[in-house]
C-alpha atoms as a PDB file:
ATOM      1  CA  MET A   1      -0.043 -13.335 -15.181  1.00  0.00           C
ATOM      2  CA  LYS A   2      -1.155 -15.042 -18.367  1.00  0.00           C
ATOM      3  CA  LEU A   3       0.424 -13.867 -21.611  1.00  0.00           C
ATOM      4  CA  LYS A   4      -2.929 -13.585 -23.413  1.00  0.00           C
ATOM      5  CA  ASN A   5      -4.191 -11.231 -20.728  1.00  0.00           C
ATOM      6  CA  LEU A   6      -1.086  -9.053 -21.079  1.00  0.00           C
ATOM      7  CA  LEU A   7      -1.483  -8.961 -24.882  1.00  0.00           C
ATOM      8  CA  LEU A   8      -5.113  -7.822 -24.431  1.00  0.00           C
ATOM      9  CA  ALA A   9      -3.990  -5.168 -22.000  1.00  0.00           C
ATOM     10  CA  CYS A  10      -1.399  -3.848 -24.417  1.00  0.00           C
ATOM     11  CA  ILE A  11      -3.980  -3.625 -27.234  1.00  0.00           C
ATOM     12  CA  LEU A  12      -6.256  -1.646 -24.954  1.00  0.00           C
ATOM     13  CA  VAL A  13      -3.640   0.540 -23.392  1.00  0.00           C
ATOM     14  CA  THR A  14      -1.766   1.608 -26.548  1.00  0.00           C
ATOM     15  CA  PRO A  15      -4.328   4.264 -27.663  1.00  0.00           C
ATOM     16  CA  LEU A  16      -3.870   6.091 -24.328  1.00  0.00           C
ATOM     17  CA  PHE A  17      -0.388   7.011 -25.294  1.00  0.00           C
ATOM     18  CA  SER A  18      -0.418   7.072 -29.082  1.00  0.00           C
ATOM     19  CA  GLN A  19      -0.813  10.855 -29.349  1.00  0.00           C
ATOM     20  CA  GLU A  20       2.515  11.563 -27.591  1.00  0.00           C
ATOM     21  CA  THR A  21       4.558   8.400 -28.039  1.00  0.00           C
ATOM     22  CA  PRO A  22       3.153   6.264 -30.832  1.00  0.00           C
ATOM     23  CA  PHE A  23       4.481   2.709 -30.745  1.00  0.00           C
ATOM     24  CA  ALA A  24       3.593  -0.826 -31.541  1.00  0.00           C
ATOM     25  CA  ILE A  25       4.014  -3.150 -28.600  1.00  0.00           C
ATOM     26  CA  HIS A  26       5.477  -6.598 -29.127  1.00  0.00           C
ATOM     27  CA  ILE A  27       5.483  -9.078 -26.291  1.00  0.00           C
ATOM     28  CA  GLU A  28       7.788 -12.062 -26.432  1.00  0.00           C
ATOM     29  CA  ARG A  29       8.268 -14.993 -24.099  1.00  0.00           C
ATOM     30  CA  VAL A  30      11.806 -15.122 -22.866  1.00  0.00           C
ATOM     31  CA  LYS A  31      13.007 -18.512 -21.526  1.00  0.00           C
ATOM     32  CA  LYS A  32      10.265 -18.886 -18.918  1.00  0.00           C
ATOM     33  CA  SER A  33       6.613 -17.943 -18.673  1.00  0.00           C
ATOM     34  CA  ASN A  34       7.285 -15.556 -15.757  1.00  0.00           C
ATOM     35  CA  THR A  35       9.379 -13.255 -17.966  1.00  0.00           C
ATOM     36  CA  LEU A  36       7.818 -10.444 -19.911  1.00  0.00           C
ATOM     37  CA  GLU A  37       9.699  -8.496 -22.532  1.00  0.00           C
ATOM     38  CA  VAL A  38       8.122  -5.483 -24.238  1.00  0.00           C
ATOM     39  CA  LYS A  39       9.918  -4.144 -27.288  1.00  0.00           C
ATOM     40  CA  LYS A  40       9.257  -0.643 -28.640  1.00  0.00           C
ATOM     41  CA  PRO A  41      10.895   0.899 -31.695  1.00  0.00           C
ATOM     42  CA  GLN A  42      12.925   3.454 -29.731  1.00  0.00           C
ATOM     43  CA  GLU A  43      16.645   2.761 -29.563  1.00  0.00           C
ATOM     44  CA  GLN A  44      17.056   3.324 -25.797  1.00  0.00           C
ATOM     45  CA  GLU A  45      18.553   0.597 -23.721  1.00  0.00           C
ATOM     46  CA  LYS A  46      16.041  -1.899 -22.463  1.00  0.00           C
ATOM     47  CA  LEU A  47      15.039  -1.344 -18.829  1.00  0.00           C
ATOM     48  CA  LYS A  48      15.069  -4.433 -16.635  1.00  0.00           C
ATOM     49  CA  ILE A  49      13.060  -4.723 -13.415  1.00  0.00           C
ATOM     50  CA  ALA A  50      12.973  -7.851 -11.283  1.00  0.00           C
ATOM     51  CA  ILE A  51      10.084  -8.629  -8.915  1.00  0.00           C
ATOM     52  CA  MET A  52      10.684 -10.809  -5.923  1.00  0.00           C
ATOM     53  CA  ILE A  53       7.527 -12.280  -4.379  1.00  0.00           C
ATOM     54  CA  PRO A  54       6.900 -15.058  -1.833  1.00  0.00           C
ATOM     55  CA  SER A  55       3.528 -15.944  -3.299  1.00  0.00           C
ATOM     56  CA  GLN A  56       2.468 -18.229  -0.408  1.00  0.00           C
ATOM     57  CA  VAL A  57       2.931 -15.344   2.016  1.00  0.00           C
ATOM     58  CA  ILE A  58       1.609 -12.328   0.222  1.00  0.00           C
ATOM     59  CA  GLY A  59      -1.344 -13.949  -1.527  1.00  0.00           C
ATOM     60  CA  ARG A  60      -3.136 -11.691  -4.017  1.00  0.00           C
ATOM     61  CA  TYR A  61      -0.303  -9.175  -4.089  1.00  0.00           C
ATOM     62  CA  ALA A  62       1.730 -11.686  -6.076  1.00  0.00           C
ATOM     63  CA  ASN A  63      -0.288 -10.657  -9.111  1.00  0.00           C
ATOM     64  CA  SER A  64      -1.342  -7.073  -8.278  1.00  0.00           C
ATOM     65  CA  THR A  65       2.145  -5.723  -7.608  1.00  0.00           C
ATOM     66  CA  THR A  66       3.394  -7.248 -10.858  1.00  0.00           C
ATOM     67  CA  ASN A  67       0.483  -5.559 -12.602  1.00  0.00           C
ATOM     68  CA  ALA A  68       1.359  -2.236 -10.987  1.00  0.00           C
ATOM     69  CA  VAL A  69       4.936  -2.465 -12.322  1.00  0.00           C
ATOM     70  CA  PHE A  70       3.762  -3.542 -15.778  1.00  0.00           C
ATOM     71  CA  ALA A  71       1.071  -0.852 -16.022  1.00  0.00           C
ATOM     72  CA  TYR A  72       3.579   1.864 -15.090  1.00  0.00           C
ATOM     73  CA  MET A  73       6.130   0.744 -17.640  1.00  0.00           C
ATOM     74  CA  LEU A  74       3.485   0.613 -20.374  1.00  0.00           C
ATOM     75  CA  THR A  75       3.103   4.386 -20.012  1.00  0.00           C
ATOM     76  CA  LYS A  76       6.735   4.885 -20.993  1.00  0.00           C
ATOM     77  CA  SER A  77       8.347   4.811 -24.382  1.00  0.00           C
ATOM     78  CA  ASN A  78      11.243   2.600 -23.349  1.00  0.00           C
ATOM     79  CA  SER A  79      11.578  -1.090 -24.072  1.00  0.00           C
ATOM     80  CA  PHE A  80      11.546  -3.094 -20.870  1.00  0.00           C
ATOM     81  CA  GLU A  81      11.806  -6.503 -19.383  1.00  0.00           C
ATOM     82  CA  ILE A  82       9.989  -7.572 -16.182  1.00  0.00           C
ATOM     83  CA  LYS A  83      10.702 -10.906 -14.589  1.00  0.00           C
ATOM     84  CA  THR A  84       9.026 -12.359 -11.530  1.00  0.00           C
ATOM     85  CA  PHE A  85      11.094 -14.450  -9.144  1.00  0.00           C
ATOM     86  CA  ASP A  86       8.639 -16.379  -6.969  1.00  0.00           C
ATOM     87  CA  THR A  87      10.359 -17.630  -3.815  1.00  0.00           C
ATOM     88  CA  GLN A  88       7.110 -19.206  -2.555  1.00  0.00           C
ATOM     89  CA  MET A  89       8.157 -18.597   1.023  1.00  0.00           C
ATOM     90  CA  GLN A  90      10.540 -16.053   2.493  1.00  0.00           C
ATOM     91  CA  ASP A  91      13.109 -18.197   4.311  1.00  0.00           C
ATOM     92  CA  ARG A  92      16.752 -17.244   4.020  1.00  0.00           C
ATOM     93  CA  GLU A  93      17.613 -19.993   1.574  1.00  0.00           C
ATOM     94  CA  SER A  94      14.827 -19.089  -0.853  1.00  0.00           C
ATOM     95  CA  LEU A  95      15.602 -15.396  -0.794  1.00  0.00           C
ATOM     96  CA  SER A  96      19.315 -16.003  -1.230  1.00  0.00           C
ATOM     97  CA  LYS A  97      18.710 -18.238  -4.257  1.00  0.00           C
ATOM     98  CA  ALA A  98      16.425 -15.610  -5.817  1.00  0.00           C
ATOM     99  CA  LEU A  99      18.984 -12.863  -5.303  1.00  0.00           C
ATOM    100  CA  GLN A 100      21.661 -14.954  -6.966  1.00  0.00           C
ATOM    101  CA  GLU A 101      19.401 -15.606  -9.960  1.00  0.00           C
ATOM    102  CA  ILE A 102      18.448 -11.916 -10.228  1.00  0.00           C
ATOM    103  CA  GLU A 103      22.056 -10.782 -10.209  1.00  0.00           C
ATOM    104  CA  LYS A 104      23.088 -13.565 -12.613  1.00  0.00           C
ATOM    105  CA  GLU A 105      20.511 -12.432 -15.127  1.00  0.00           C
ATOM    106  CA  GLY A 106      21.674  -8.864 -15.050  1.00  0.00           C
ATOM    107  CA  PHE A 107      18.942  -7.115 -13.079  1.00  0.00           C
ATOM    108  CA  ALA A 108      20.244  -4.165 -11.112  1.00  0.00           C
ATOM    109  CA  TYR A 109      16.840  -3.080  -9.833  1.00  0.00           C
ATOM    110  CA  ALA A 110      14.179  -5.106  -8.054  1.00  0.00           C
ATOM    111  CA  ILE A 111      10.860  -4.758  -6.249  1.00  0.00           C
ATOM    112  CA  ALA A 112      10.566  -7.072  -3.207  1.00  0.00           C
ATOM    113  CA  VAL A 113       7.132  -7.604  -1.727  1.00  0.00           C
ATOM    114  CA  LEU A 114       7.997  -9.040   1.635  1.00  0.00           C
ATOM    115  CA  SER A 115       6.729  -9.053   5.192  1.00  0.00           C
ATOM    116  CA  LYS A 116       8.829  -7.756   8.082  1.00  0.00           C
ATOM    117  CA  ASP A 117      10.190 -11.252   8.654  1.00  0.00           C
ATOM    118  CA  GLY A 118      11.259 -11.509   5.051  1.00  0.00           C
ATOM    119  CA  VAL A 119      12.826  -8.034   5.096  1.00  0.00           C
ATOM    120  CA  ASP A 120      14.875  -8.919   8.182  1.00  0.00           C
ATOM    121  CA  LYS A 121      16.246 -11.937   6.369  1.00  0.00           C
ATOM    122  CA  LEU A 122      16.927  -9.931   3.206  1.00  0.00           C
ATOM    123  CA  ILE A 123      18.876  -7.335   5.221  1.00  0.00           C
ATOM    124  CA  ASN A 124      21.090 -10.104   6.606  1.00  0.00           C
ATOM    125  CA  LEU A 125      21.821 -11.240   3.068  1.00  0.00           C
ATOM    126  CA  ASN A 126      23.289  -7.765   2.311  1.00  0.00           C
ATOM    127  CA  PRO A 127      22.127  -7.538  -1.335  1.00  0.00           C
ATOM    128  CA  GLN A 128      24.237  -5.557  -3.743  1.00  0.00           C
ATOM    129  CA  ILE A 129      21.485  -4.543  -6.139  1.00  0.00           C
ATOM    130  CA  ASN A 130      18.911  -1.796  -5.636  1.00  0.00           C
ATOM    131  CA  ILE A 131      15.756  -3.179  -4.062  1.00  0.00           C
ATOM    132  CA  PHE A 132      12.554  -1.271  -3.309  1.00  0.00           C
ATOM    133  CA  ILE A 133      10.290  -2.743  -0.579  1.00  0.00           C
ATOM    134  CA  PRO A 134       6.753  -1.321  -0.788  1.00  0.00           C
ATOM    135  CA  THR A 135       5.381  -3.229   2.207  1.00  0.00           C
ATOM    136  CA  ILE A 136       7.544  -2.036   5.107  1.00  0.00           C
ATOM    137  CA  ASN A 137       8.464   1.359   6.566  1.00  0.00           C
ATOM    138  CA  LYS A 138      12.145   1.679   7.364  1.00  0.00           C
ATOM    139  CA  SER A 139      11.379   2.531  10.979  1.00  0.00           C
ATOM    140  CA  GLU A 140      10.175  -1.084  11.434  1.00  0.00           C
ATOM    141  CA  VAL A 141      13.562  -2.600  10.672  1.00  0.00           C
ATOM    142  CA  SER A 142      17.271  -2.019  11.094  1.00  0.00           C
ATOM    143  CA  SER A 143      18.796  -1.438   7.676  1.00  0.00           C
ATOM    144  CA  PRO A 144      22.312  -0.042   7.191  1.00  0.00           C
ATOM    145  CA  SER A 145      22.241  -0.996   3.479  1.00  0.00           C
ATOM    146  CA  SER A 146      22.287   1.858   0.994  1.00  0.00           C
ATOM    147  CA  HIS A 147      20.809  -0.532  -1.639  1.00  0.00           C
ATOM    148  CA  LEU A 148      17.462  -1.009   0.097  1.00  0.00           C
ATOM    149  CA  TYR A 149      14.633   1.516  -0.314  1.00  0.00           C
ATOM    150  CA  PHE A 150      11.357   1.431   1.606  1.00  0.00           C
ATOM    151  CA  GLY A 151       7.857   2.466   0.632  1.00  0.00           C
ATOM    152  CA  GLY A 152       5.758   1.410   3.563  1.00  0.00           C
ATOM    153  CA  ILE A 153       3.384   3.863   5.156  1.00  0.00           C
ATOM    154  CA  ASP A 154       4.316   5.450   8.462  1.00  0.00           C
ATOM    155  CA  TYR A 155       1.373   4.375  10.651  1.00  0.00           C
ATOM    156  CA  LYS A 156       2.840   6.028  13.697  1.00  0.00           C
ATOM    157  CA  ALA A 157       2.906   9.334  11.930  1.00  0.00           C
ATOM    158  CA  GLN A 158      -0.731   8.764  10.913  1.00  0.00           C
ATOM    159  CA  VAL A 159      -1.654   8.063  14.541  1.00  0.00           C
ATOM    160  CA  ASP A 160       0.115  11.269  15.629  1.00  0.00           C
ATOM    161  CA  THR A 161      -1.980  13.216  13.174  1.00  0.00           C
ATOM    162  CA  LEU A 162      -5.194  11.512  14.188  1.00  0.00           C
ATOM    163  CA  LEU A 163      -4.623  12.077  17.893  1.00  0.00           C
ATOM    164  CA  GLN A 164      -4.664  15.831  17.331  1.00  0.00           C
ATOM    165  CA  ASN A 165      -8.410  15.398  16.929  1.00  0.00           C
ATOM    166  CA  ALA A 166      -8.919  12.939  19.773  1.00  0.00           C
ATOM    167  CA  SER A 167     -10.946  13.582  22.923  1.00  0.00           C
ATOM    168  CA  THR A 168     -10.934  11.812  26.302  1.00  0.00           C
ATOM    169  CA  PRO A 169     -11.627   8.980  26.732  1.00  0.00           C
ATOM    170  CA  LEU A 170      -9.930   7.340  23.796  1.00  0.00           C
ATOM    171  CA  VAL A 171     -11.423   3.917  23.047  1.00  0.00           C
ATOM    172  CA  ILE A 172      -9.199   1.679  20.857  1.00  0.00           C
ATOM    173  CA  PHE A 173     -10.485  -1.344  18.965  1.00  0.00           C
ATOM    174  CA  LYS A 174      -7.885  -3.728  17.588  1.00  0.00           C
ATOM    175  CA  ASP A 175      -7.540  -7.356  16.485  1.00  0.00           C
ATOM    176  CA  THR A 176      -4.806  -9.879  17.200  1.00  0.00           C
ATOM    177  CA  SER A 177      -2.583  -9.111  14.216  1.00  0.00           C
ATOM    178  CA  PRO A 178       0.921  -7.783  15.090  1.00  0.00           C
ATOM    179  CA  ILE A 179       0.494  -4.635  13.028  1.00  0.00           C
ATOM    180  CA  THR A 180      -2.784  -3.493  14.575  1.00  0.00           C
ATOM    181  CA  SER A 181      -1.559  -4.454  18.032  1.00  0.00           C
ATOM    182  CA  ASN A 182       1.610  -2.378  17.622  1.00  0.00           C
ATOM    183  CA  ILE A 183      -0.304   0.609  16.272  1.00  0.00           C
ATOM    184  CA  SER A 184      -2.824   0.387  19.155  1.00  0.00           C
ATOM    185  CA  ASP A 185      -0.093   0.177  21.769  1.00  0.00           C
ATOM    186  CA  TYR A 186       1.644   3.149  20.219  1.00  0.00           C
ATOM    187  CA  ALA A 187      -1.571   5.202  20.233  1.00  0.00           C
ATOM    188  CA  GLN A 188      -2.354   4.383  23.837  1.00  0.00           C
ATOM    189  CA  GLY A 189       1.157   5.387  24.827  1.00  0.00           C
ATOM    190  CA  LYS A 190       0.999   8.714  22.946  1.00  0.00           C
ATOM    191  CA  PHE A 191      -2.433   9.723  24.176  1.00  0.00           C
ATOM    192  CA  HIS A 192      -2.320  11.883  27.291  1.00  0.00           C
ATOM    193  CA  GLY A 193      -5.822  11.244  28.569  1.00  0.00           C
ATOM    194  CA  LYS A 194      -7.750   8.219  29.800  1.00  0.00           C
ATOM    195  CA  SER A 195      -7.858   5.358  27.318  1.00  0.00           C
ATOM    196  CA  TYR A 196      -9.309   1.881  26.888  1.00  0.00           C
ATOM    197  CA  THR A 197      -8.350  -0.943  24.498  1.00  0.00           C
ATOM    198  CA  PHE A 198     -10.587  -3.757  23.334  1.00  0.00           C
ATOM    199  CA  THR A 199      -9.451  -6.713  21.248  1.00  0.00           C
ATOM    200  CA  MET A 200     -11.967  -8.056  18.769  1.00  0.00           C
ATOM    201  CA  ASP A 201     -12.036 -11.816  18.727  1.00  0.00           C
ATOM    202  CA  LYS A 202     -14.564 -14.184  17.180  1.00  0.00           C
ATOM    203  CA  SER A 203     -17.417 -12.515  18.956  1.00  0.00           C
ATOM    204  CA  THR A 204     -19.128  -9.723  17.056  1.00  0.00           C
ATOM    205  CA  ASN A 205     -21.417  -8.553  19.806  1.00  0.00           C
ATOM    206  CA  LEU A 206     -20.021  -5.369  21.447  1.00  0.00           C
ATOM    207  CA  LYS A 207     -22.887  -4.752  23.806  1.00  0.00           C
ATOM    208  CA  LYS A 208     -20.678  -5.379  26.836  1.00  0.00           C
ATOM    209  CA  GLN A 209     -18.177  -2.786  25.680  1.00  0.00           C
ATOM    210  CA  LEU A 210     -20.572  -0.142  24.386  1.00  0.00           C
ATOM    211  CA  LYS A 211     -23.620  -0.273  26.650  1.00  0.00           C
ATOM    212  CA  ASN A 212     -24.601   2.553  29.003  1.00  0.00           C
ATOM    213  CA  ASN A 213     -22.922   5.098  26.771  1.00  0.00           C
ATOM    214  CA  ARG A 214     -19.989   5.290  29.184  1.00  0.00           C
ATOM    215  CA  PHE A 215     -17.685   6.592  26.468  1.00  0.00           C
ATOM    216  CA  GLY A 216     -19.946   9.428  25.390  1.00  0.00           C
ATOM    217  CA  HIS A 217     -18.192  12.458  23.844  1.00  0.00           C
ATOM    218  CA  GLY A 218     -14.968  10.459  23.593  1.00  0.00           C
ATOM    219  CA  SER A 219     -13.006   9.355  20.507  1.00  0.00           C
ATOM    220  CA  PHE A 220     -12.813   5.863  19.083  1.00  0.00           C
ATOM    221  CA  LEU A 221      -9.716   4.598  17.222  1.00  0.00           C
ATOM    222  CA  THR A 222     -10.348   1.553  15.007  1.00  0.00           C
ATOM    223  CA  ASN A 223      -7.257  -0.375  14.059  1.00  0.00           C
ATOM    224  CA  THR A 224      -9.181  -3.148  12.380  1.00  0.00           C
ATOM    225  CA  PRO A 225      -9.770  -4.170   8.732  1.00  0.00           C
ATOM    226  CA  VAL A 226     -12.793  -2.602   7.045  1.00  0.00           C
ATOM    227  CA  ILE A 227     -15.309  -5.432   7.737  1.00  0.00           C
ATOM    228  CA  LYS A 228     -14.549  -5.456  11.474  1.00  0.00           C
ATOM    229  CA  THR A 229     -14.604  -1.665  11.509  1.00  0.00           C
ATOM    230  CA  GLY A 230     -18.051  -1.758   9.926  1.00  0.00           C
ATOM    231  CA  LEU A 231     -19.244  -3.994  12.778  1.00  0.00           C
ATOM    232  CA  VAL A 232     -17.833  -1.622  15.355  1.00  0.00           C
ATOM    233  CA  ILE A 233     -19.360   1.604  14.023  1.00  0.00           C
ATOM    234  CA  SER A 234     -22.761   0.040  13.253  1.00  0.00           C
ATOM    235  CA  GLN A 235     -23.037  -1.174  16.858  1.00  0.00           C
ATOM    236  CA  MET A 236     -21.966   2.226  18.130  1.00  0.00           C
ATOM    237  CA  THR A 237     -25.104   3.563  16.503  1.00  0.00           C
ATOM    238  CA  LEU A 238     -27.160   0.641  17.740  1.00  0.00           C
ATOM    239  CA  TYR A 239     -26.153   1.229  21.363  1.00  0.00           C
ATOM    240  CA  LYS A 240     -26.470   5.038  21.003  1.00  0.00           C
ATOM    241  CA  VAL A 241     -22.846   5.880  21.699  1.00  0.00           C
ATOM    242  CA  ASN A 242     -22.582   9.636  21.527  1.00  0.00           C
ATOM    243  CA  GLU A 243     -18.989   9.804  20.327  1.00  0.00           C
ATOM    244  CA  LYS A 244     -17.071  12.882  19.298  1.00  0.00           C
ATOM    245  CA  ASN A 245     -15.464  11.097  16.408  1.00  0.00           C
ATOM    246  CA  ILE A 246     -14.181   7.760  15.067  1.00  0.00           C
ATOM    247  CA  LEU A 247     -10.518   7.775  14.029  1.00  0.00           C
ATOM    248  CA  SER A 248      -8.775   5.350  11.706  1.00  0.00           C
ATOM    249  CA  THR A 249      -5.459   4.859   9.979  1.00  0.00           C
ATOM    250  CA  GLN A 250      -4.951   3.907   6.293  1.00  0.00           C
ATOM    251  CA  ILE A 251      -6.487   0.462   6.790  1.00  0.00           C
ATOM    252  CA  ASN A 252     -10.041   1.827   6.342  1.00  0.00           C
ATOM    253  CA  TYR A 253      -9.349   4.032   3.345  1.00  0.00           C
ATOM    254  CA  ASP A 254     -11.340   1.582   1.286  1.00  0.00           C
ATOM    255  CA  PRO A 255     -14.450   2.041  -0.890  1.00  0.00           C
ATOM    256  CA  LEU A 256     -15.866  -1.122   0.690  1.00  0.00           C
ATOM    257  CA  LEU A 257     -16.456   0.999   3.805  1.00  0.00           C
ATOM    258  CA  LEU A 258     -18.858   3.218   1.792  1.00  0.00           C
ATOM    259  CA  SER A 259     -20.950   0.274   0.542  1.00  0.00           C
ATOM    260  CA  MET A 260     -21.093  -1.808   3.721  1.00  0.00           C
ATOM    261  CA  THR A 261     -21.915   0.943   6.263  1.00  0.00           C
ATOM    262  CA  GLN A 262     -24.732   3.506   6.608  1.00  0.00           C
ATOM    263  CA  TYR A 263     -23.806   7.170   6.312  1.00  0.00           C
ATOM    264  CA  ASN A 264     -25.216   7.876   9.765  1.00  0.00           C
ATOM    265  CA  ASP A 265     -22.802   5.266  11.246  1.00  0.00           C
ATOM    266  CA  ARG A 266     -19.709   6.792   9.613  1.00  0.00           C
ATOM    267  CA  LYS A 267     -20.544  10.473   9.524  1.00  0.00           C
ATOM    268  CA  ASN A 268     -18.163  11.252  12.421  1.00  0.00           C
ATOM    269  CA  MET A 269     -15.328   9.197  11.026  1.00  0.00           C
ATOM    270  CA  ILE A 270     -11.875  10.654  10.231  1.00  0.00           C
ATOM    271  CA  ILE A 271      -9.318   8.566   8.275  1.00  0.00           C
ATOM    272  CA  ALA A 272      -5.637   9.274   7.788  1.00  0.00           C
ATOM    273  CA  ASN A 273      -4.630   8.858   4.192  1.00  0.00           C
ATOM    274  CA  SER A 274      -1.178   8.829   2.630  1.00  0.00           C
ATOM    275  CA  ILE A 275      -2.204   8.048  -0.990  1.00  0.00           C
ATOM    276  CA  SER A 276      -1.936  11.602  -2.253  1.00  0.00           C
ATOM    277  CA  LYS A 277      -0.320  11.772  -5.690  1.00  0.00           C
ATOM    278  CA  ASP A 278      -2.387  10.808  -8.761  1.00  0.00           C
ATOM    279  CA  ASN A 279      -1.317  10.284 -12.321  1.00  0.00           C
ATOM    280  CA  THR A 280      -4.310   9.786 -14.618  1.00  0.00           C
ATOM    281  CA  THR A 281      -2.376   7.920 -17.273  1.00  0.00           C
ATOM    282  CA  VAL A 282      -0.811   5.432 -14.797  1.00  0.00           C
ATOM    283  CA  THR A 283      -4.121   5.027 -13.001  1.00  0.00           C
ATOM    284  CA  ASP A 284      -5.937   4.287 -16.241  1.00  0.00           C
ATOM    285  CA  ALA A 285      -3.315   1.737 -17.261  1.00  0.00           C
ATOM    286  CA  ASN A 286      -3.826  -0.041 -13.962  1.00  0.00           C
ATOM    287  CA  LEU A 287      -7.623   0.016 -14.351  1.00  0.00           C
ATOM    288  CA  LEU A 288      -7.285  -1.772 -17.681  1.00  0.00           C
ATOM    289  CA  LEU A 289      -5.562  -4.556 -15.816  1.00  0.00           C
ATOM    290  CA  ASN A 290      -8.243  -4.496 -13.059  1.00  0.00           C
ATOM    291  CA  ASN A 291      -5.568  -3.187 -10.701  1.00  0.00           C
ATOM    292  CA  ASP A 292      -6.179  -0.636  -7.955  1.00  0.00           C
ATOM    293  CA  ILE A 293      -3.589   2.036  -7.102  1.00  0.00           C
ATOM    294  CA  ILE A 294      -6.173   4.566  -5.935  1.00  0.00           C
ATOM    295  CA  TYR A 295      -7.050   2.879  -2.634  1.00  0.00           C
ATOM    296  CA  ASP A 296      -4.624  -0.010  -2.352  1.00  0.00           C
ATOM    297  CA  TRP A 297      -1.561   1.394  -0.651  1.00  0.00           C
ATOM    298  CA  ILE A 298       0.810  -1.521  -1.424  1.00  0.00           C
ATOM    299  CA  ASN A 299       0.050  -1.230  -5.201  1.00  0.00           C
ATOM    300  CA  TYR A 300       0.358   2.521  -4.886  1.00  0.00           C
ATOM    301  CA  ALA A 301       3.729   2.229  -3.037  1.00  0.00           C
ATOM    302  CA  THR A 302       4.910  -0.253  -5.690  1.00  0.00           C
ATOM    303  CA  THR A 303       4.080   2.312  -8.351  1.00  0.00           C
ATOM    304  CA  VAL A 304       6.001   5.028  -6.479  1.00  0.00           C
ATOM    305  CA  GLY A 305       8.984   2.674  -6.205  1.00  0.00           C
ATOM    306  CA  VAL A 306       9.159   1.677  -9.881  1.00  0.00           C
ATOM    307  CA  ASP A 307       8.741   5.377 -10.777  1.00  0.00           C
ATOM    308  CA  TYR A 308      11.721   6.201  -8.567  1.00  0.00           C
ATOM    309  CA  PHE A 309      13.849   3.487 -10.110  1.00  0.00           C
ATOM    310  CA  PHE A 310      12.789   4.543 -13.653  1.00  0.00           C
ATOM    311  CA  SER A 311      13.882   8.069 -12.906  1.00  0.00           C
ATOM    312  CA  ARG A 312      17.229   6.895 -11.570  1.00  0.00           C
ATOM    313  CA  ILE A 313      17.861   4.801 -14.636  1.00  0.00           C
ATOM    314  CA  THR A 314      16.712   7.277 -17.290  1.00  0.00           C
ATOM    315  CA  HIS A 315      17.239  10.574 -15.463  1.00  0.00           C
ATOM    316  CA  GLU A 316      13.699  11.602 -16.409  1.00  0.00           C
ATOM    317  CA  ALA A 317      11.506  13.525 -13.971  1.00  0.00           C
ATOM    318  CA  ARG A 318       9.530  11.417 -11.510  1.00  0.00           C
ATOM    319  CA  GLU A 319       5.790  11.086 -11.983  1.00  0.00           C
ATOM    320  CA  TYR A 320       5.406  10.739  -8.194  1.00  0.00           C
ATOM    321  CA  PRO A 321       7.956  13.234  -6.813  1.00  0.00           C
ATOM    322  CA  LEU A 322       7.543  12.329  -3.141  1.00  0.00           C
ATOM    323  CA  ALA A 323      10.367  13.208  -0.767  1.00  0.00           C
ATOM    324  CA  ILE A 324      12.852  10.471   0.151  1.00  0.00           C
ATOM    325  CA  SER A 325      14.715  10.540   3.490  1.00  0.00           C
ATOM    326  CA  GLU A 326      17.416   8.004   4.234  1.00  0.00           C
ATOM    327  CA  ASN A 327      15.977   5.642   1.596  1.00  0.00           C
ATOM    328  CA  GLN A 328      12.391   5.880   2.906  1.00  0.00           C
ATOM    329  CA  ILE A 329       9.566   7.405   0.861  1.00  0.00           C
ATOM    330  CA  ILE A 330       7.905  10.183   2.885  1.00  0.00           C
ATOM    331  CA  TYR A 331       4.171  10.345   2.330  1.00  0.00           C
ATOM    332  CA  PRO A 332       2.200  13.425   3.149  1.00  0.00           C
ATOM    333  CA  ILE A 333      -0.764  12.703   5.448  1.00  0.00           C
ATOM    334  CA  SER A 334      -4.251  14.112   4.795  1.00  0.00           C
ATOM    335  CA  LEU A 335      -7.385  13.590   6.804  1.00  0.00           C
ATOM    336  CA  VAL A 336     -10.490  12.500   4.898  1.00  0.00           C
ATOM    337  CA  GLN A 337     -14.051  11.535   5.781  1.00  0.00           C
ATOM    338  CA  PRO A 338     -16.240   8.870   4.225  1.00  0.00           C
ATOM    339  CA  SER A 339     -19.129  10.907   2.850  1.00  0.00           C
ATOM    340  CA  PHE A 340     -22.265   9.652   1.072  1.00  0.00           C
ATOM    341  CA  SER A 341     -20.489   8.075  -1.906  1.00  0.00           C
ATOM    342  CA  SER A 342     -16.843   9.052  -1.671  1.00  0.00           C
ATOM    343  CA  PHE A 343     -14.057  10.177   0.605  1.00  0.00           C
ATOM    344  CA  VAL A 344     -13.839  13.960   1.076  1.00  0.00           C
ATOM    345  CA  ASN A 345     -11.268  16.203   2.803  1.00  0.00           C
ATOM    346  CA  TYR A 346     -11.905  16.559   6.513  1.00  0.00           C
ATOM    347  CA  LYS A 347     -12.786  20.033   7.700  1.00  0.00           C
ATOM    348  CA  SER A 348     -12.614  20.579  11.442  1.00  0.00           C
ATOM    349  CA  LYS A 349     -15.818  22.004  12.930  1.00  0.00           C
ATOM    350  CA  GLU A 350     -13.889  23.613  15.776  1.00  0.00           C
ATOM    351  CA  LYS A 351     -12.827  27.192  15.480  1.00  0.00           C
END
């Protein structure tokens, strides 16, 4: 994140909070360009949050999760320091070196944006600082450490909720990624009726799978990213599939779905959503940094995590008071539908 962009963000954001907590923000480079220190006139102890990111693994989230932490802290009156520790990759040696540097520089709290493979290695390193992992649900790993906190969405719980609205046959579309494959296998195992699973490869023509309306009045579960899902549901209309509904987990809670599909294609779609708590001030601060915490669940989970750590450090009330069970954030699950121009709460038509 470039310093000049952060300075501009501070200038823009300050008026949002000036009525309640007037302050002048001063940003200062500290040692390296990946360290950000914000000083405010209050006398509280400066809050320090480290961010551990393997930039070559997580791509765009290297910037957006840092923005999410920064935007949240701007809404508070405390002075703070955020430092990014980019491990590039998430091998054991790189993670171990980053942990040593974080502890050496006095950070007791960190956000670690890692994949499951990285989390497994982190667990084996047995860190002694408090680390929040927004990308993984605790059920996906074995973690005895009391220092690790998890913010990943529970996709299995979302599938359980969706299956309450499923009819036979259940037709599952997935791709080759491990996450969607695991979710699809779980759904097929939990469903008590006849089910079929199709893997989307490079071919985008689904005539073979959808012709003859052999799945009429059944349910379709799409465990694919939004572009692939758009291809599926548009061809369902093309081949006149008379489905009961189209079910999807969090992966398709994305405004892109509204712009790339026709309403008639998506009118029977039901999406499980775990992004439930909104804070206008925090949301606005993110928008000023071109950051999305409304639809992007990793940025949202990062915000929930830094809010939890802020509350632990300062003893102030949490802005996102979601339940925590055995170091895992528990997200409520709601069902929504993609309407004409927005997502609306799902209302069952059955009595």
